Protein backbone atom coordinates (compact mmCIF):
# COMPACT_ATOMS: atom_id res chain seq x y z
CA MET A 1 25.63 -42.49 103.38
CA LYS A 2 26.92 -45.73 104.82
CA TYR A 3 24.70 -48.76 105.22
CA MET A 4 25.14 -52.34 106.34
CA LEU A 5 23.23 -54.87 104.29
CA LEU A 6 22.76 -57.79 106.66
CA MET A 7 22.04 -61.18 105.13
CA ASN A 8 20.48 -63.72 107.41
CA TYR A 9 20.56 -67.48 107.15
CA ASP A 10 17.01 -68.73 106.66
CA PRO A 11 16.53 -71.94 108.67
CA GLY A 12 13.32 -72.68 106.72
CA ALA A 13 15.11 -72.61 103.37
CA GLN A 14 16.72 -75.54 101.65
CA PRO A 15 20.26 -75.78 103.11
CA ILE A 16 22.81 -74.56 100.57
CA GLY A 17 24.67 -77.86 101.02
CA GLU A 18 21.69 -79.55 99.33
CA TRP A 19 21.76 -77.29 96.26
CA THR A 20 23.09 -78.68 93.01
CA ALA A 21 26.44 -77.45 91.72
CA ASP A 22 24.63 -75.48 89.00
CA GLU A 23 22.33 -73.81 91.55
CA MET A 24 25.28 -72.84 93.74
CA ARG A 25 27.19 -71.53 90.73
CA ALA A 26 24.22 -69.45 89.51
CA SER A 27 23.68 -67.94 92.95
CA GLY A 28 27.38 -67.22 93.39
CA GLU A 29 27.60 -65.61 89.95
CA ALA A 30 24.58 -63.36 90.63
CA MET A 31 26.03 -62.24 93.95
CA GLY A 32 29.43 -61.80 92.32
CA VAL A 33 27.98 -59.46 89.68
CA ILE A 34 26.47 -57.25 92.39
CA HIS A 35 29.69 -57.37 94.43
CA GLU A 36 31.81 -56.42 91.41
CA GLU A 37 29.46 -53.56 90.48
CA LEU A 38 29.66 -52.14 94.00
CA ALA A 39 33.46 -52.46 94.03
CA THR A 40 33.81 -50.84 90.59
CA ASN A 41 31.48 -47.97 91.59
CA GLY A 42 33.44 -47.38 94.80
CA GLU A 43 30.34 -48.18 96.86
CA LEU A 44 31.70 -51.31 98.55
CA LEU A 45 33.57 -50.68 101.80
CA GLY A 46 33.67 -54.26 103.06
CA ALA A 47 31.95 -57.63 102.89
CA ALA A 48 32.22 -61.02 104.52
CA ALA A 49 30.46 -64.32 104.84
CA LEU A 50 30.30 -65.54 108.41
CA ALA A 51 30.98 -69.02 109.74
CA GLY A 52 27.95 -71.01 110.84
CA PRO A 53 26.43 -70.78 114.30
CA ALA A 54 28.41 -73.78 115.58
CA ALA A 55 31.55 -71.59 115.45
CA ALA A 56 29.88 -68.61 117.14
CA LYS A 57 30.54 -67.46 120.70
CA ILE A 58 28.64 -65.13 122.99
CA VAL A 59 30.80 -63.26 125.47
CA THR A 60 29.52 -61.44 128.54
CA HIS A 61 31.59 -59.79 131.22
CA ASP A 62 30.71 -57.79 134.30
CA GLY A 63 34.22 -56.35 134.65
CA VAL A 64 35.05 -58.66 137.52
CA GLY A 65 36.77 -62.02 137.13
CA SER A 66 36.75 -63.95 133.88
CA PRO A 67 34.34 -63.37 131.01
CA VAL A 68 31.60 -65.93 130.41
CA VAL A 69 31.87 -67.53 126.96
CA THR A 70 28.95 -69.52 125.59
CA ASP A 71 29.30 -71.76 122.53
CA GLY A 72 26.78 -72.02 119.69
CA PRO A 73 24.66 -73.20 118.06
CA PHE A 74 21.86 -71.27 119.62
CA ALA A 75 18.64 -73.21 119.23
CA GLU A 76 16.54 -70.30 120.47
CA ALA A 77 17.75 -68.05 117.64
CA LYS A 78 15.40 -67.89 114.67
CA GLU A 79 17.59 -65.61 112.59
CA LEU A 80 21.31 -66.05 112.20
CA LEU A 81 23.55 -63.52 110.49
CA ALA A 82 25.18 -65.21 107.49
CA GLY A 83 27.12 -62.26 106.08
CA TYR A 84 27.11 -58.58 105.28
CA TRP A 85 28.09 -55.87 102.84
CA LEU A 86 29.17 -52.47 104.13
CA ILE A 87 28.36 -49.92 101.45
CA ASP A 88 28.67 -46.17 100.95
CA VAL A 89 25.95 -44.94 98.59
CA GLU A 90 24.27 -41.68 97.68
CA SER A 91 20.88 -42.49 99.18
CA GLU A 92 18.72 -44.92 101.08
CA GLU A 93 16.96 -45.68 97.80
CA ARG A 94 20.25 -46.97 96.33
CA ALA A 95 20.84 -49.15 99.41
CA ILE A 96 17.33 -50.59 99.03
CA GLU A 97 17.92 -51.20 95.31
CA ILE A 98 21.06 -53.20 96.11
CA ALA A 99 19.27 -55.14 98.86
CA ALA A 100 16.41 -55.99 96.48
CA ARG A 101 18.81 -57.33 93.84
CA THR A 102 20.56 -59.38 96.51
CA SER A 103 17.25 -60.82 97.72
CA ALA A 104 16.36 -61.78 94.15
CA ALA A 105 19.59 -63.77 93.58
CA PRO A 106 18.75 -67.26 92.35
CA GLY A 107 18.42 -70.19 94.70
CA ARG A 108 17.01 -73.71 94.31
CA GLY A 109 15.64 -74.33 90.85
CA GLY A 110 16.79 -70.88 89.73
CA ARG A 111 14.01 -69.23 91.73
CA PRO A 112 14.84 -66.02 93.63
CA THR A 113 15.81 -66.76 97.23
CA ALA A 114 13.63 -63.86 98.43
CA ARG A 115 15.73 -63.84 101.60
CA GLU A 116 15.37 -60.90 103.94
CA ILE A 117 18.13 -58.33 103.60
CA HIS A 118 18.25 -55.89 106.50
CA VAL A 119 19.30 -52.37 105.49
CA ARG A 120 20.79 -50.52 108.46
CA PRO A 121 22.26 -47.01 108.34
CA VAL A 122 25.67 -46.72 109.97
CA MET A 123 25.56 -44.18 112.78
CA ARG A 124 27.73 -41.13 112.44
CA GLY A 125 29.40 -38.99 115.07
CA PRO A 126 27.51 -36.17 116.82
CA ASP A 127 28.90 -33.52 114.43
CA ALA A 128 27.98 -35.36 111.24
CA GLU A 129 24.77 -34.90 109.28
CA MET A 130 22.42 -37.87 109.13
C-alpha cells in the first residue's frame, strides 16, 4: 500500500535557523536513519523537502485567457507543507510506525519535535484493491 507522509512546517515551533549546529545535526541524523532504512527495505518511493512559502505560487485558471498566479507567503495559511516521503509498505500500521518515528526526531535541546505527520493513502485506479 502506498502512502504519503506529509510533514508540515510548524509556525509555532522554534525556526530551524535558530537551532544550534548540534541540534540540526542530531535531527538530520535521526531523519537520515529512517530515510536509509526505508530505502534499504525498498519502502521508499520518493522524498523531498520543499522550499519555503516565499517561493510558492498558487495558480488558478478558468480555461480562458491567462492563468492567475499568486505569490507567497500566504499569511492566512496556518499549516505549510515542508516536505514528504512517498512510501510503499505492507500496512497502514507500518506507515503509522514510520510517521511516529519521524515525529519523534529530535529538535531543540534534543527533545522530540512532536510535529504532526499526516499519513495519506495514495488512491489507486478503479480496478485496484484498496
